[in-house]
Every structure is written in structure tokens, then in C-alpha cells.
């Protein structure tokens, strides 16, 4: 089974008080997780804004494969 992730789920590992259960689930299911172009656009917007700079370091390396062609 594949999973389509939204922004909130993808951001859990970068949150200061992220849900440990979600983070563990992401680690376990990472090869079956996908997201949409809308979510990628939301993440890009957050990274480019002042508030998003705090999220850019933990999120981008982890999800850089989202930007790579299949």
C-alpha cells in the first residue's frame, strides 16, 4: 500500500515537539510514501519565508528525493 502525505505529516520530524509516533511511522513507511505537487509547493513557500527558514534545514535533506525525477 502507498501513502499520500500532507504537509503536516511531512513536517513532523522538523517540529520541535513533533509526534514521535508519526516520526516512527514515517521511518518505517518511507519507501511507500508520496506527496503531491501542492504539498511540495507549500514546503517550498515555507522554506522561502522567514518562518520557514527554521524548517528548511531538517526538511530539505530528508525529502530531497521528492524533487528528483523517478
C-alpha atoms as a PDB file:
ATOM      1  CA  UNK A   1       0.000   0.000   0.000  1.00  0.00           C
ATOM      2  CA  UNK A   2       1.201   3.523  -0.816  1.00  0.00           C
ATOM      3  CA  UNK A   3       0.573   6.626   1.263  1.00  0.00           C
ATOM      4  CA  UNK A   4      -0.097  10.175   0.060  1.00  0.00           C
ATOM      5  CA  UNK A   5       1.295  12.529   2.703  1.00  0.00           C
ATOM      6  CA  UNK A   6       0.148  16.042   3.525  1.00  0.00           C
ATOM      7  CA  UNK A   7       2.296  18.923   4.748  1.00  0.00           C
ATOM      8  CA  UNK A   8       1.625  18.332   8.429  1.00  0.00           C
ATOM      9  CA  UNK A   9       2.805  14.723   8.318  1.00  0.00           C
ATOM     10  CA  UNK A  10       5.914  15.580   6.310  1.00  0.00           C
ATOM     11  CA  UNK A  11       6.833  18.356   8.773  1.00  0.00           C
ATOM     12  CA  UNK A  12       6.573  16.231  11.927  1.00  0.00           C
ATOM     13  CA  UNK A  13      10.302  15.315  12.068  1.00  0.00           C
ATOM     14  CA  UNK A  14      11.231  19.006  11.859  1.00  0.00           C
ATOM     15  CA  UNK A  15       8.858  20.175  14.568  1.00  0.00           C
ATOM     16  CA  UNK A  16      10.264  20.872  17.979  1.00  0.00           C
ATOM     17  CA  UNK A  17       7.541  18.759  19.578  1.00  0.00           C
ATOM     18  CA  UNK A  18       6.706  16.529  16.627  1.00  0.00           C
ATOM     19  CA  UNK A  19       4.600  13.461  17.264  1.00  0.00           C
ATOM     20  CA  UNK A  20       7.061  10.628  17.919  1.00  0.00           C
ATOM     21  CA  UNK A  21       4.543   8.069  16.638  1.00  0.00           C
ATOM     22  CA  UNK A  22       4.263   9.884  13.298  1.00  0.00           C
ATOM     23  CA  UNK A  23       8.040  10.182  13.002  1.00  0.00           C
ATOM     24  CA  UNK A  24       8.470   6.464  13.731  1.00  0.00           C
ATOM     25  CA  UNK A  25       5.756   5.608  11.215  1.00  0.00           C
ATOM     26  CA  UNK A  26       7.455   7.777   8.572  1.00  0.00           C
ATOM     27  CA  UNK A  27      10.750   5.983   9.127  1.00  0.00           C
ATOM     28  CA  UNK A  28       9.029   2.621   8.788  1.00  0.00           C
ATOM     29  CA  UNK A  29       6.941   3.516   5.727  1.00  0.00           C
ATOM     30  CA  UNK A  30       9.275   5.943   3.926  1.00  0.00           C
ATOM     31  CA  UNK A  31       9.664   3.797   0.822  1.00  0.00           C
ATOM     32  CA  UNK A  32       5.898   3.763   0.294  1.00  0.00           C
ATOM     33  CA  UNK A  33       5.240   7.456   0.944  1.00  0.00           C
ATOM     34  CA  UNK A  34       4.468  10.023  -1.720  1.00  0.00           C
ATOM     35  CA  UNK A  35       3.169  13.561  -1.770  1.00  0.00           C
ATOM     36  CA  UNK A  36       1.521  15.934  -4.192  1.00  0.00           C
ATOM     37  CA  UNK A  37       2.800  18.925  -6.140  1.00  0.00           C
ATOM     38  CA  UNK A  38       0.627  21.114  -3.898  1.00  0.00           C
ATOM     39  CA  UNK A  39       2.446  19.887  -0.779  1.00  0.00           C
ATOM     40  CA  UNK A  40       5.841  20.423  -2.409  1.00  0.00           C
ATOM     41  CA  UNK A  41       4.774  23.973  -3.300  1.00  0.00           C
ATOM     42  CA  UNK A  42       3.670  24.562   0.308  1.00  0.00           C
ATOM     43  CA  UNK A  43       7.026  23.337   1.613  1.00  0.00           C
ATOM     44  CA  UNK A  44       8.915  25.491  -0.890  1.00  0.00           C
ATOM     45  CA  UNK A  45       6.901  28.519   0.193  1.00  0.00           C
ATOM     46  CA  UNK A  46       7.599  27.821   3.878  1.00  0.00           C
ATOM     47  CA  UNK A  47      11.314  27.420   3.184  1.00  0.00           C
ATOM     48  CA  UNK A  48      11.417  30.754   1.354  1.00  0.00           C
ATOM     49  CA  UNK A  49       9.599  32.663   4.108  1.00  0.00           C
ATOM     50  CA  UNK A  50      11.152  33.857   7.334  1.00  0.00           C
ATOM     51  CA  UNK A  51       9.264  31.309   9.444  1.00  0.00           C
ATOM     52  CA  UNK A  52      10.183  28.533   7.043  1.00  0.00           C
ATOM     53  CA  UNK A  53      13.918  29.069   7.443  1.00  0.00           C
ATOM     54  CA  UNK A  54      13.752  27.182  10.733  1.00  0.00           C
ATOM     55  CA  UNK A  55      12.210  24.233   8.911  1.00  0.00           C
ATOM     56  CA  UNK A  56      14.444  24.247   5.859  1.00  0.00           C
ATOM     57  CA  UNK A  57      17.460  22.530   7.385  1.00  0.00           C
ATOM     58  CA  UNK A  58      15.728  19.430   8.786  1.00  0.00           C
ATOM     59  CA  UNK A  59      13.185  19.049   5.997  1.00  0.00           C
ATOM     60  CA  UNK A  60      15.119  19.535   2.780  1.00  0.00           C
ATOM     61  CA  UNK A  61      17.773  16.828   3.167  1.00  0.00           C
ATOM     62  CA  UNK A  62      15.192  14.307   4.342  1.00  0.00           C
ATOM     63  CA  UNK A  63      12.797  14.987   1.491  1.00  0.00           C
ATOM     64  CA  UNK A  64      15.191  15.954  -1.270  1.00  0.00           C
ATOM     65  CA  UNK A  65      14.213  12.802  -3.134  1.00  0.00           C
ATOM     66  CA  UNK A  66      10.765  14.368  -3.643  1.00  0.00           C
ATOM     67  CA  UNK A  67      12.376  16.786  -6.100  1.00  0.00           C
ATOM     68  CA  UNK A  68      14.237  14.120  -8.031  1.00  0.00           C
ATOM     69  CA  UNK A  69      12.652  12.608 -11.131  1.00  0.00           C
ATOM     70  CA  UNK A  70      11.674   8.962 -10.857  1.00  0.00           C
END
